[in-house]
């Protein structure tokens, strides 16, 4: 499995499978929904030419909802679900940041996580 597949599996029950890489498709208007994208990660380097058996990535997980309270509650559920999904070896890299999209009227959060797989 890829990290992206594991993230989808860990979060899909929270939003009826509306979990998308990068952005939600333009025709998806149902809320709530979750998007995620890779925003870096830690490189693993050895002195010899050994290829690491694990890779690290830093992912930004975004939740989108119709109200601030609902977005905040969903963000908390996302963090709990990712911590519980042991295949990802999740590290929370900080609390979420609240966002508002004036063009769509959506409330959201952004939070970074580190995953080893």
PDB file of N, CA and C in Angstrom:
ATOM      1  N   UNK A   1       0.835  -1.195   0.000  1.00  0.00           N
ATOM      2  CA  UNK A   1       0.000   0.000   0.000  1.00  0.00           C
ATOM      3  C   UNK A   1       0.872   1.248   0.000  1.00  0.00           C
ATOM      4  N   UNK A   2       0.357   2.307  -0.590  1.00  0.00           N
ATOM      5  CA  UNK A   2       1.053   3.587  -0.543  1.00  0.00           C
ATOM      6  C   UNK A   2       0.573   4.382   0.666  1.00  0.00           C
ATOM      7  N   UNK A   3       1.326   5.387   1.025  1.00  0.00           N
ATOM      8  CA  UNK A   3       0.909   6.267   2.118  1.00  0.00           C
ATOM      9  C   UNK A   3      -0.436   6.898   1.783  1.00  0.00           C
ATOM     10  N   UNK A   4      -0.605   7.311   0.547  1.00  0.00           N
ATOM     11  CA  UNK A   4      -1.857   7.945   0.129  1.00  0.00           C
ATOM     12  C   UNK A   4      -3.047   7.001   0.306  1.00  0.00           C
ATOM     13  N   UNK A   5      -2.850   5.738  -0.048  1.00  0.00           N
ATOM     14  CA  UNK A   5      -3.917   4.746   0.129  1.00  0.00           C
ATOM     15  C   UNK A   5      -4.215   4.527   1.603  1.00  0.00           C
ATOM     16  N   UNK A   6      -3.166   4.485   2.421  1.00  0.00           N
ATOM     17  CA  UNK A   6      -3.366   4.324   3.868  1.00  0.00           C
ATOM     18  C   UNK A   6      -4.108   5.518   4.465  1.00  0.00           C
ATOM     19  N   UNK A   7      -3.781   6.727   4.034  1.00  0.00           N
ATOM     20  CA  UNK A   7      -4.493   7.921   4.532  1.00  0.00           C
ATOM     21  C   UNK A   7      -5.965   7.831   4.155  1.00  0.00           C
ATOM     22  N   UNK A   8      -6.245   7.486   2.903  1.00  0.00           N
ATOM     23  CA  UNK A   8      -7.633   7.335   2.467  1.00  0.00           C
ATOM     24  C   UNK A   8      -8.347   6.303   3.336  1.00  0.00           C
ATOM     25  N   UNK A   9      -7.718   5.159   3.559  1.00  0.00           N
ATOM     26  CA  UNK A   9      -8.327   4.089   4.351  1.00  0.00           C
ATOM     27  C   UNK A   9      -8.596   4.540   5.782  1.00  0.00           C
ATOM     28  N   UNK A  10      -7.648   5.273   6.362  1.00  0.00           N
ATOM     29  CA  UNK A  10      -7.792   5.728   7.754  1.00  0.00           C
ATOM     30  C   UNK A  10      -8.909   6.754   7.917  1.00  0.00           C
ATOM     31  N   UNK A  11      -9.179   7.548   6.868  1.00  0.00           N
ATOM     32  CA  UNK A  11     -10.092   8.690   7.012  1.00  0.00           C
ATOM     33  C   UNK A  11     -11.444   8.541   6.320  1.00  0.00           C
ATOM     34  N   UNK A  12     -11.584   7.590   5.422  1.00  0.00           N
ATOM     35  CA  UNK A  12     -12.789   7.524   4.588  1.00  0.00           C
ATOM     36  C   UNK A  12     -14.088   7.399   5.374  1.00  0.00           C
ATOM     37  N   UNK A  13     -14.077   6.700   6.495  1.00  0.00           N
ATOM     38  CA  UNK A  13     -15.311   6.518   7.280  1.00  0.00           C
ATOM     39  C   UNK A  13     -15.809   7.831   7.885  1.00  0.00           C
ATOM     40  N   UNK A  14     -14.922   8.793   8.064  1.00  0.00           N
ATOM     41  CA  UNK A  14     -15.315  10.080   8.663  1.00  0.00           C
ATOM     42  C   UNK A  14     -16.152  10.936   7.720  1.00  0.00           C
ATOM     43  N   UNK A  15     -15.983  10.733   6.396  1.00  0.00           N
ATOM     44  CA  UNK A  15     -16.614  11.632   5.421  1.00  0.00           C
ATOM     45  C   UNK A  15     -17.211  10.872   4.227  1.00  0.00           C
ATOM     46  N   UNK A  16     -17.700   9.664   4.467  1.00  0.00           N
ATOM     47  CA  UNK A  16     -18.326   8.860   3.412  1.00  0.00           C
ATOM     48  C   UNK A  16     -17.442   8.755   2.166  1.00  0.00           C
ATOM     49  N   UNK A  17     -16.166   8.499   2.380  1.00  0.00           N
ATOM     50  CA  UNK A  17     -15.160   8.305   1.319  1.00  0.00           C
ATOM     51  C   UNK A  17     -14.807   9.564   0.537  1.00  0.00           C
ATOM     52  N   UNK A  18     -15.218  10.746   1.009  1.00  0.00           N
ATOM     53  CA  UNK A  18     -14.867  11.994   0.307  1.00  0.00           C
ATOM     54  C   UNK A  18     -13.495  12.487   0.799  1.00  0.00           C
ATOM     55  N   UNK A  19     -12.465  11.718   0.457  1.00  0.00           N
ATOM     56  CA  UNK A  19     -11.075  12.025   0.801  1.00  0.00           C
ATOM     57  C   UNK A  19     -10.326  12.080  -0.520  1.00  0.00           C
ATOM     58  N   UNK A  20      -9.673  13.221  -0.796  1.00  0.00           N
ATOM     59  CA  UNK A  20      -9.076  13.440  -2.114  1.00  0.00           C
ATOM     60  C   UNK A  20      -7.628  13.884  -2.013  1.00  0.00           C
ATOM     61  N   UNK A  21      -6.816  13.437  -2.953  1.00  0.00           N
ATOM     62  CA  UNK A  21      -5.433  13.895  -3.072  1.00  0.00           C
ATOM     63  C   UNK A  21      -5.432  15.292  -3.691  1.00  0.00           C
ATOM     64  N   UNK A  22      -4.694  16.180  -3.116  1.00  0.00           N
ATOM     65  CA  UNK A  22      -4.505  17.552  -3.593  1.00  0.00           C
ATOM     66  C   UNK A  22      -5.769  18.411  -3.486  1.00  0.00           C
ATOM     67  N   UNK A  23      -6.746  18.207  -4.360  1.00  0.00           N
ATOM     68  CA  UNK A  23      -7.984  18.994  -4.328  1.00  0.00           C
ATOM     69  C   UNK A  23      -9.177  18.086  -4.607  1.00  0.00           C
ATOM     70  N   UNK A  24     -10.331  18.511  -4.174  1.00  0.00           N
ATOM     71  CA  UNK A  24     -11.546  17.764  -4.490  1.00  0.00           C
ATOM     72  C   UNK A  24     -11.924  18.053  -5.943  1.00  0.00           C
ATOM     73  N   UNK A  25     -12.487  17.079  -6.639  1.00  0.00           N
ATOM     74  CA  UNK A  25     -12.954  17.333  -8.004  1.00  0.00           C
ATOM     75  C   UNK A  25     -13.975  18.470  -8.028  1.00  0.00           C
ATOM     76  N   UNK A  26     -14.000  19.212  -9.100  1.00  0.00           N
ATOM     77  CA  UNK A  26     -14.880  20.383  -9.225  1.00  0.00           C
ATOM     78  C   UNK A  26     -16.358  20.025  -9.054  1.00  0.00           C
ATOM     79  N   UNK A  27     -16.742  18.816  -9.409  1.00  0.00           N
ATOM     80  CA  UNK A  27     -18.156  18.428  -9.322  1.00  0.00           C
ATOM     81  C   UNK A  27     -18.561  17.916  -7.944  1.00  0.00           C
ATOM     82  N   UNK A  28     -17.618  17.852  -6.993  1.00  0.00           N
ATOM     83  CA  UNK A  28     -17.932  17.387  -5.638  1.00  0.00           C
ATOM     84  C   UNK A  28     -18.280  18.597  -4.775  1.00  0.00           C
ATOM     85  N   UNK A  29     -19.536  18.684  -4.395  1.00  0.00           N
ATOM     86  CA  UNK A  29     -19.986  19.799  -3.562  1.00  0.00           C
ATOM     87  C   UNK A  29     -20.479  19.330  -2.198  1.00  0.00           C
ATOM     88  N   UNK A  30     -20.603  18.017  -2.016  1.00  0.00           N
ATOM     89  CA  UNK A  30     -21.097  17.473  -0.759  1.00  0.00           C
ATOM     90  C   UNK A  30     -20.055  17.656   0.346  1.00  0.00           C
ATOM     91  N   UNK A  31     -20.532  18.052   1.508  1.00  0.00           N
ATOM     92  CA  UNK A  31     -19.674  18.233   2.680  1.00  0.00           C
ATOM     93  C   UNK A  31     -20.067  17.240   3.754  1.00  0.00           C
ATOM     94  N   UNK A  32     -19.160  16.938   4.662  1.00  0.00           N
ATOM     95  CA  UNK A  32     -17.781  17.401   4.728  1.00  0.00           C
ATOM     96  C   UNK A  32     -16.900  16.635   3.752  1.00  0.00           C
ATOM     97  N   UNK A  33     -15.679  17.137   3.581  1.00  0.00           N
ATOM     98  CA  UNK A  33     -14.704  16.441   2.765  1.00  0.00           C
ATOM     99  C   UNK A  33     -13.303  16.731   3.296  1.00  0.00           C
ATOM    100  N   UNK A  34     -12.378  15.886   2.886  1.00  0.00           N
ATOM    101  CA  UNK A  34     -10.986  15.984   3.315  1.00  0.00           C
ATOM    102  C   UNK A  34     -10.102  15.979   2.077  1.00  0.00           C
ATOM    103  N   UNK A  35      -9.103  16.844   2.070  1.00  0.00           N
ATOM    104  CA  UNK A  35      -8.078  16.798   1.034  1.00  0.00           C
ATOM    105  C   UNK A  35      -6.721  16.669   1.718  1.00  0.00           C
ATOM    106  N   UNK A  36      -5.745  16.163   0.969  1.00  0.00           N
ATOM    107  CA  UNK A  36      -4.401  16.061   1.523  1.00  0.00           C
ATOM    108  C   UNK A  36      -3.374  16.156   0.407  1.00  0.00           C
ATOM    109  N   UNK A  37      -2.195  16.630   0.789  1.00  0.00           N
ATOM    110  CA  UNK A  37      -1.101  16.724  -0.175  1.00  0.00           C
ATOM    111  C   UNK A  37       0.225  16.608   0.546  1.00  0.00           C
ATOM    112  N   UNK A  38       1.198  16.046  -0.158  1.00  0.00           N
ATOM    113  CA  UNK A  38       2.532  15.929   0.420  1.00  0.00           C
ATOM    114  C   UNK A  38       3.212  17.286   0.363  1.00  0.00           C
ATOM    115  N   UNK A  39       3.795  17.692   1.491  1.00  0.00           N
ATOM    116  CA  UNK A  39       4.460  18.992   1.591  1.00  0.00           C
ATOM    117  C   UNK A  39       5.904  18.846   2.074  1.00  0.00           C
ATOM    118  N   UNK A  40       6.491  17.692   1.798  1.00  0.00           N
ATOM    119  CA  UNK A  40       7.884  17.469   2.158  1.00  0.00           C
ATOM    120  C   UNK A  40       8.054  16.155   2.887  1.00  0.00           C
ATOM    121  N   UNK A  41       9.096  16.085   3.676  1.00  0.00           N
ATOM    122  CA  UNK A  41       9.410  14.883   4.432  1.00  0.00           C
ATOM    123  C   UNK A  41      10.880  14.861   4.777  1.00  0.00           C
ATOM    124  N   UNK A  42      11.263  13.874   5.550  1.00  0.00           N
ATOM    125  CA  UNK A  42      12.659  13.719   5.952  1.00  0.00           C
ATOM    126  C   UNK A  42      13.359  12.740   5.021  1.00  0.00           C
ATOM    127  N   UNK A  43      14.519  13.119   4.547  1.00  0.00           N
ATOM    128  CA  UNK A  43      15.315  12.193   3.759  1.00  0.00           C
ATOM    129  C   UNK A  43      16.089  11.269   4.684  1.00  0.00           C
ATOM    130  N   UNK A  44      16.212  10.020   4.302  1.00  0.00           N
ATOM    131  CA  UNK A  44      16.999   9.066   5.060  1.00  0.00           C
ATOM    132  C   UNK A  44      18.234   8.762   4.223  1.00  0.00           C
ATOM    133  N   UNK A  45      19.413   9.035   4.781  1.00  0.00           N
ATOM    134  CA  UNK A  45      20.659   8.840   4.053  1.00  0.00           C
ATOM    135  C   UNK A  45      21.640   8.057   4.908  1.00  0.00           C
ATOM    136  N   UNK A  46      22.325   7.127   4.270  1.00  0.00           N
ATOM    137  CA  UNK A  46      23.356   6.348   4.932  1.00  0.00           C
ATOM    138  C   UNK A  46      24.703   6.687   4.297  1.00  0.00           C
ATOM    139  N   UNK A  47      25.786   6.425   5.016  1.00  0.00           N
ATOM    140  CA  UNK A  47      27.119   6.663   4.481  1.00  0.00           C
ATOM    141  C   UNK A  47      27.392   5.711   3.322  1.00  0.00           C
ATOM    142  N   UNK A  48      26.961   4.452   3.467  1.00  0.00           N
ATOM    143  CA  UNK A  48      27.136   3.502   2.371  1.00  0.00           C
ATOM    144  C   UNK A  48      25.928   3.596   1.425  1.00  0.00           C
ATOM    145  N   UNK A  49      25.938   2.900   0.305  1.00  0.00           N
ATOM    146  CA  UNK A  49      24.845   3.042  -0.675  1.00  0.00           C
ATOM    147  C   UNK A  49      23.592   2.229  -0.354  1.00  0.00           C
ATOM    148  N   UNK A  50      23.348   1.957   0.913  1.00  0.00           N
ATOM    149  CA  UNK A  50      22.164   1.197   1.313  1.00  0.00           C
ATOM    150  C   UNK A  50      20.896   1.991   1.021  1.00  0.00           C
ATOM    151  N   UNK A  51      19.916   1.319   0.465  1.00  0.00           N
ATOM    152  CA  UNK A  51      18.612   1.933   0.223  1.00  0.00           C
ATOM    153  C   UNK A  51      17.765   1.745   1.473  1.00  0.00           C
ATOM    154  N   UNK A  52      17.212   2.830   2.034  1.00  0.00           N
ATOM    155  CA  UNK A  52      16.408   2.698   3.258  1.00  0.00           C
ATOM    156  C   UNK A  52      15.183   1.811   3.039  1.00  0.00           C
ATOM    157  N   UNK A  53      14.809   1.084   4.075  1.00  0.00           N
ATOM    158  CA  UNK A  53      13.631   0.220   3.984  1.00  0.00           C
ATOM    159  C   UNK A  53      12.339   0.986   4.253  1.00  0.00           C
ATOM    160  N   UNK A  54      12.459   2.185   4.803  1.00  0.00           N
ATOM    161  CA  UNK A  54      11.286   3.020   5.073  1.00  0.00           C
ATOM    162  C   UNK A  54      11.485   4.403   4.472  1.00  0.00           C
ATOM    163  N   UNK A  55      10.377   5.031   4.141  1.00  0.00           N
ATOM    164  CA  UNK A  55      10.360   6.398   3.616  1.00  0.00           C
ATOM    165  C   UNK A  55       9.524   7.268   4.533  1.00  0.00           C
ATOM    166  N   UNK A  56       9.851   8.551   4.570  1.00  0.00           N
ATOM    167  CA  UNK A  56       9.100   9.505   5.378  1.00  0.00           C
ATOM    168  C   UNK A  56       8.440  10.522   4.457  1.00  0.00           C
ATOM    169  N   UNK A  57       7.256  10.948   4.834  1.00  0.00           N
ATOM    170  CA  UNK A  57       6.630  12.062   4.126  1.00  0.00           C
ATOM    171  C   UNK A  57       5.886  12.938   5.131  1.00  0.00           C
ATOM    172  N   UNK A  58       5.844  14.198   4.808  1.00  0.00           N
ATOM    173  CA  UNK A  58       5.067  15.163   5.580  1.00  0.00           C
ATOM    174  C   UNK A  58       3.843  15.470   4.736  1.00  0.00           C
ATOM    175  N   UNK A  59       2.682  15.279   5.331  1.00  0.00           N
ATOM    176  CA  UNK A  59       1.422  15.510   4.629  1.00  0.00           C
ATOM    177  C   UNK A  59       0.620  16.589   5.337  1.00  0.00           C
ATOM    178  N   UNK A  60       0.046  17.461   4.534  1.00  0.00           N
ATOM    179  CA  UNK A  60      -0.910  18.436   5.049  1.00  0.00           C
ATOM    180  C   UNK A  60      -2.296  17.859   4.817  1.00  0.00           C
ATOM    181  N   UNK A  61      -3.054  17.713   5.887  1.00  0.00           N
ATOM    182  CA  UNK A  61      -4.428  17.209   5.815  1.00  0.00           C
ATOM    183  C   UNK A  61      -5.357  18.398   6.025  1.00  0.00           C
ATOM    184  N   UNK A  62      -6.302  18.573   5.102  1.00  0.00           N
ATOM    185  CA  UNK A  62      -7.247  19.690   5.151  1.00  0.00           C
ATOM    186  C   UNK A  62      -8.658  19.134   5.308  1.00  0.00           C
ATOM    187  N   UNK A  63      -9.437  19.723   6.182  1.00  0.00           N
ATOM    188  CA  UNK A  63     -10.850  19.356   6.284  1.00  0.00           C
ATOM    189  C   UNK A  63     -11.687  20.558   5.843  1.00  0.00           C
ATOM    190  N   UNK A  64     -12.837  20.280   5.277  1.00  0.00           N
ATOM    191  CA  UNK A  64     -13.738  21.326   4.775  1.00  0.00           C
ATOM    192  C   UNK A  64     -15.153  21.020   5.217  1.00  0.00           C
ATOM    193  N   UNK A  65     -15.803  22.059   5.771  1.00  0.00           N
ATOM    194  CA  UNK A  65     -17.172  21.883   6.268  1.00  0.00           C
ATOM    195  C   UNK A  65     -17.924  23.207   6.131  1.00  0.00           C
ATOM    196  N   UNK A  66     -19.201  23.176   6.470  1.00  0.00           N
ATOM    197  CA  UNK A  66     -20.044  24.363   6.291  1.00  0.00           C
ATOM    198  C   UNK A  66     -20.035  25.312   7.486  1.00  0.00           C
ATOM    199  N   UNK A  67     -19.441  24.897   8.613  1.00  0.00           N
ATOM    200  CA  UNK A  67     -19.357  25.785   9.781  1.00  0.00           C
ATOM    201  C   UNK A  67     -18.019  25.592  10.487  1.00  0.00           C
ATOM    202  N   UNK A  68     -17.609  26.597  11.239  1.00  0.00           N
ATOM    203  CA  UNK A  68     -16.354  26.513  11.991  1.00  0.00           C
ATOM    204  C   UNK A  68     -16.385  25.376  13.007  1.00  0.00           C
ATOM    205  N   UNK A  69     -17.486  25.263  13.766  1.00  0.00           N
ATOM    206  CA  UNK A  69     -17.566  24.212  14.784  1.00  0.00           C
ATOM    207  C   UNK A  69     -17.473  22.821  14.171  1.00  0.00           C
ATOM    208  N   UNK A  70     -18.146  22.603  13.058  1.00  0.00           N
ATOM    209  CA  UNK A  70     -18.108  21.286  12.418  1.00  0.00           C
ATOM    210  C   UNK A  70     -16.725  20.992  11.831  1.00  0.00           C
ATOM    211  N   UNK A  71     -16.072  22.001  11.268  1.00  0.00           N
ATOM    212  CA  UNK A  71     -14.715  21.811  10.747  1.00  0.00           C
ATOM    213  C   UNK A  71     -13.750  21.473  11.875  1.00  0.00           C
ATOM    214  N   UNK A  72     -13.869  22.158  12.991  1.00  0.00           N
ATOM    215  CA  UNK A  72     -13.008  21.898  14.140  1.00  0.00           C
ATOM    216  C   UNK A  72     -13.214  20.485  14.673  1.00  0.00           C
ATOM    217  N   UNK A  73     -14.453  20.068  14.806  1.00  0.00           N
ATOM    218  CA  UNK A  73     -14.738  18.710  15.302  1.00  0.00           C
ATOM    219  C   UNK A  73     -14.182  17.661  14.339  1.00  0.00           C
ATOM    220  N   UNK A  74     -14.352  17.866  13.041  1.00  0.00           N
ATOM    221  CA  UNK A  74     -13.824  16.916  12.062  1.00  0.00           C
ATOM    222  C   UNK A  74     -12.301  16.870  12.117  1.00  0.00           C
ATOM    223  N   UNK A  75     -11.654  18.007  12.288  1.00  0.00           N
ATOM    224  CA  UNK A  75     -10.186  18.035  12.399  1.00  0.00           C
ATOM    225  C   UNK A  75      -9.715  17.203  13.588  1.00  0.00           C
ATOM    226  N   UNK A  76     -10.414  17.276  14.677  1.00  0.00           N
ATOM    227  CA  UNK A  76     -10.059  16.474  15.860  1.00  0.00           C
ATOM    228  C   UNK A  76     -10.238  14.981  15.581  1.00  0.00           C
ATOM    229  N   UNK A  77     -11.298  14.641  14.864  1.00  0.00           N
ATOM    230  CA  UNK A  77     -11.532  13.238  14.502  1.00  0.00           C
ATOM    231  C   UNK A  77     -10.450  12.730  13.546  1.00  0.00           C
ATOM    232  N   UNK A  78     -10.015  13.577  12.617  1.00  0.00           N
ATOM    233  CA  UNK A  78      -8.954  13.206  11.686  1.00  0.00           C
ATOM    234  C   UNK A  78      -7.674  12.890  12.455  1.00  0.00           C
ATOM    235  N   UNK A  79      -7.286  13.775  13.364  1.00  0.00           N
ATOM    236  CA  UNK A  79      -6.072  13.538  14.148  1.00  0.00           C
ATOM    237  C   UNK A  79      -6.167  12.227  14.921  1.00  0.00           C
ATOM    238  N   UNK A  80      -7.291  11.983  15.565  1.00  0.00           N
ATOM    239  CA  UNK A  80      -7.463  10.745  16.330  1.00  0.00           C
ATOM    240  C   UNK A  80      -7.399   9.516  15.419  1.00  0.00           C
ATOM    241  N   UNK A  81      -8.038   9.584  14.259  1.00  0.00           N
ATOM    242  CA  UNK A  81      -8.047   8.443  13.331  1.00  0.00           C
ATOM    243  C   UNK A  81      -6.649   8.144  12.805  1.00  0.00           C
ATOM    244  N   UNK A  82      -5.883   9.181  12.504  1.00  0.00           N
ATOM    245  CA  UNK A  82      -4.526   8.964  11.997  1.00  0.00           C
ATOM    246  C   UNK A  82      -3.602   8.410  13.082  1.00  0.00           C
ATOM    247  N   UNK A  83      -3.755   8.881  14.298  1.00  0.00           N
ATOM    248  CA  UNK A  83      -2.950   8.330  15.412  1.00  0.00           C
ATOM    249  C   UNK A  83      -3.258   6.849  15.612  1.00  0.00           C
ATOM    250  N   UNK A  84      -4.514   6.464  15.459  1.00  0.00           N
ATOM    251  CA  UNK A  84      -4.935   5.085  15.706  1.00  0.00           C
ATOM    252  C   UNK A  84      -4.569   4.136  14.569  1.00  0.00           C
ATOM    253  N   UNK A  85      -4.309   4.657  13.383  1.00  0.00           N
ATOM    254  CA  UNK A  85      -4.019   3.811  12.222  1.00  0.00           C
ATOM    255  C   UNK A  85      -2.533   3.468  12.219  1.00  0.00           C
ATOM    256  N   UNK A  86      -2.195   2.340  12.803  1.00  0.00           N
ATOM    257  CA  UNK A  86      -0.795   1.999  13.090  1.00  0.00           C
ATOM    258  C   UNK A  86       0.060   1.782  11.844  1.00  0.00           C
ATOM    259  N   UNK A  87      -0.510   1.463  10.720  1.00  0.00           N
ATOM    260  CA  UNK A  87       0.284   1.248   9.500  1.00  0.00           C
ATOM    261  C   UNK A  87       1.017   2.511   9.069  1.00  0.00           C
ATOM    262  N   UNK A  88       0.545   3.675   9.484  1.00  0.00           N
ATOM    263  CA  UNK A  88       1.153   4.941   9.060  1.00  0.00           C
ATOM    264  C   UNK A  88       2.258   5.446   9.986  1.00  0.00           C
ATOM    265  N   UNK A  89       2.376   4.928  11.184  1.00  0.00           N
ATOM    266  CA  UNK A  89       3.348   5.448  12.145  1.00  0.00           C
ATOM    267  C   UNK A  89       3.296   6.978  12.176  1.00  0.00           C
ATOM    268  N   UNK A  90       2.165   7.498  12.600  1.00  0.00           N
ATOM    269  CA  UNK A  90       1.853   8.924  12.547  1.00  0.00           C
ATOM    270  C   UNK A  90       2.532   9.715  13.650  1.00  0.00           C
ATOM    271  N   UNK A  91       3.084  10.870  13.263  1.00  0.00           N
ATOM    272  CA  UNK A  91       3.544  11.872  14.211  1.00  0.00           C
ATOM    273  C   UNK A  91       2.801  13.164  13.890  1.00  0.00           C
ATOM    274  N   UNK A  92       2.140  13.740  14.873  1.00  0.00           N
ATOM    275  CA  UNK A  92       1.446  15.013  14.700  1.00  0.00           C
ATOM    276  C   UNK A  92       2.490  16.118  14.807  1.00  0.00           C
ATOM    277  N   UNK A  93       2.565  16.985  13.811  1.00  0.00           N
ATOM    278  CA  UNK A  93       3.607  18.011  13.766  1.00  0.00           C
ATOM    279  C   UNK A  93       3.139  19.377  14.253  1.00  0.00           C
ATOM    280  N   UNK A  94       1.997  19.442  14.853  1.00  0.00           N
ATOM    281  CA  UNK A  94       1.478  20.693  15.396  1.00  0.00           C
ATOM    282  C   UNK A  94      -0.032  20.695  15.337  1.00  0.00           C
ATOM    283  N   UNK A  95      -0.616  21.671  15.979  1.00  0.00           N
ATOM    284  CA  UNK A  95      -2.072  21.806  15.959  1.00  0.00           C
ATOM    285  C   UNK A  95      -2.533  22.334  14.611  1.00  0.00           C
ATOM    286  N   UNK A  96      -3.822  22.178  14.345  1.00  0.00           N
ATOM    287  CA  UNK A  96      -4.343  22.650  13.065  1.00  0.00           C
ATOM    288  C   UNK A  96      -4.463  24.173  13.021  1.00  0.00           C
ATOM    289  N   UNK A  97      -4.489  24.691  11.814  1.00  0.00           N
ATOM    290  CA  UNK A  97      -4.698  26.106  11.546  1.00  0.00           C
ATOM    291  C   UNK A  97      -6.083  26.245  10.931  1.00  0.00           C
ATOM    292  N   UNK A  98      -6.887  27.153  11.436  1.00  0.00           N
ATOM    293  CA  UNK A  98      -8.223  27.387  10.882  1.00  0.00           C
ATOM    294  C   UNK A  98      -8.128  28.251   9.632  1.00  0.00           C
ATOM    295  N   UNK A  99      -8.948  27.917   8.639  1.00  0.00           N
ATOM    296  CA  UNK A  99      -8.999  28.695   7.401  1.00  0.00           C
ATOM    297  C   UNK A  99     -10.458  28.917   7.003  1.00  0.00           C
ATOM    298  N   UNK A 100     -10.655  29.940   6.194  1.00  0.00           N
ATOM    299  CA  UNK A 100     -11.978  30.227   5.627  1.00  0.00           C
ATOM    300  C   UNK A 100     -11.777  30.587   4.167  1.00  0.00           C
ATOM    301  N   UNK A 101     -12.579  30.013   3.289  1.00  0.00           N
ATOM    302  CA  UNK A 101     -12.515  30.290   1.858  1.00  0.00           C
ATOM    303  C   UNK A 101     -13.677  31.199   1.471  1.00  0.00           C
ATOM    304  N   UNK A 102     -13.444  32.499   1.306  1.00  0.00           N
ATOM    305  CA  UNK A 102     -14.548  33.406   1.007  1.00  0.00           C
ATOM    306  C   UNK A 102     -15.248  33.120  -0.322  1.00  0.00           C
ATOM    307  N   UNK A 103     -14.513  32.572  -1.288  1.00  0.00           N
ATOM    308  CA  UNK A 103     -15.130  32.281  -2.590  1.00  0.00           C
ATOM    309  C   UNK A 103     -16.175  31.172  -2.507  1.00  0.00           C
ATOM    310  N   UNK A 104     -15.950  30.208  -1.614  1.00  0.00           N
ATOM    311  CA  UNK A 104     -16.864  29.068  -1.498  1.00  0.00           C
ATOM    312  C   UNK A 104     -17.706  29.115  -0.233  1.00  0.00           C
ATOM    313  N   UNK A 105     -17.307  29.932   0.746  1.00  0.00           N
ATOM    314  CA  UNK A 105     -18.001  29.980   2.027  1.00  0.00           C
ATOM    315  C   UNK A 105     -17.695  28.784   2.920  1.00  0.00           C
ATOM    316  N   UNK A 106     -16.616  28.062   2.601  1.00  0.00           N
ATOM    317  CA  UNK A 106     -16.271  26.871   3.377  1.00  0.00           C
ATOM    318  C   UNK A 106     -15.314  27.203   4.517  1.00  0.00           C
ATOM    319  N   UNK A 107     -15.517  26.523   5.628  1.00  0.00           N
ATOM    320  CA  UNK A 107     -14.614  26.593   6.770  1.00  0.00           C
ATOM    321  C   UNK A 107     -13.728  25.356   6.725  1.00  0.00           C
ATOM    322  N   UNK A 108     -12.487  25.540   7.106  1.00  0.00           N
ATOM    323  CA  UNK A 108     -11.587  24.401   7.053  1.00  0.00           C
ATOM    324  C   UNK A 108     -10.492  24.481   8.083  1.00  0.00           C
ATOM    325  N   UNK A 109      -9.663  23.454   8.061  1.00  0.00           N
ATOM    326  CA  UNK A 109      -8.453  23.424   8.865  1.00  0.00           C
ATOM    327  C   UNK A 109      -7.334  22.828   8.024  1.00  0.00           C
ATOM    328  N   UNK A 110      -6.098  23.157   8.390  1.00  0.00           N
ATOM    329  CA  UNK A 110      -4.908  22.569   7.779  1.00  0.00           C
ATOM    330  C   UNK A 110      -4.025  22.086   8.923  1.00  0.00           C
ATOM    331  N   UNK A 111      -3.524  20.856   8.801  1.00  0.00           N
ATOM    332  CA  UNK A 111      -2.657  20.309   9.839  1.00  0.00           C
ATOM    333  C   UNK A 111      -1.633  19.393   9.196  1.00  0.00           C
ATOM    334  N   UNK A 112      -0.378  19.475   9.670  1.00  0.00           N
ATOM    335  CA  UNK A 112       0.696  18.658   9.128  1.00  0.00           C
ATOM    336  C   UNK A 112       0.963  17.446  10.007  1.00  0.00           C
ATOM    337  N   UNK A 113       1.251  16.335   9.321  1.00  0.00           N
ATOM    338  CA  UNK A 113       1.570  15.059   9.954  1.00  0.00           C
ATOM    339  C   UNK A 113       2.795  14.468   9.278  1.00  0.00           C
ATOM    340  N   UNK A 114       3.558  13.703  10.022  1.00  0.00           N
ATOM    341  CA  UNK A 114       4.683  12.963   9.472  1.00  0.00           C
ATOM    342  C   UNK A 114       4.330  11.488   9.504  1.00  0.00           C
ATOM    343  N   UNK A 115       4.584  10.809   8.383  1.00  0.00           N
ATOM    344  CA  UNK A 115       4.281   9.374   8.268  1.00  0.00           C
ATOM    345  C   UNK A 115       5.521   8.615   7.815  1.00  0.00           C
ATOM    346  N   UNK A 116       5.737   7.458   8.405  1.00  0.00           N
ATOM    347  CA  UNK A 116       6.781   6.521   7.974  1.00  0.00           C
ATOM    348  C   UNK A 116       6.102   5.295   7.408  1.00  0.00           C
ATOM    349  N   UNK A 117       6.556   4.872   6.261  1.00  0.00           N
ATOM    350  CA  UNK A 117       6.006   3.630   5.683  1.00  0.00           C
ATOM    351  C   UNK A 117       7.064   2.934   4.871  1.00  0.00           C
TER     352      UNK A 117
END
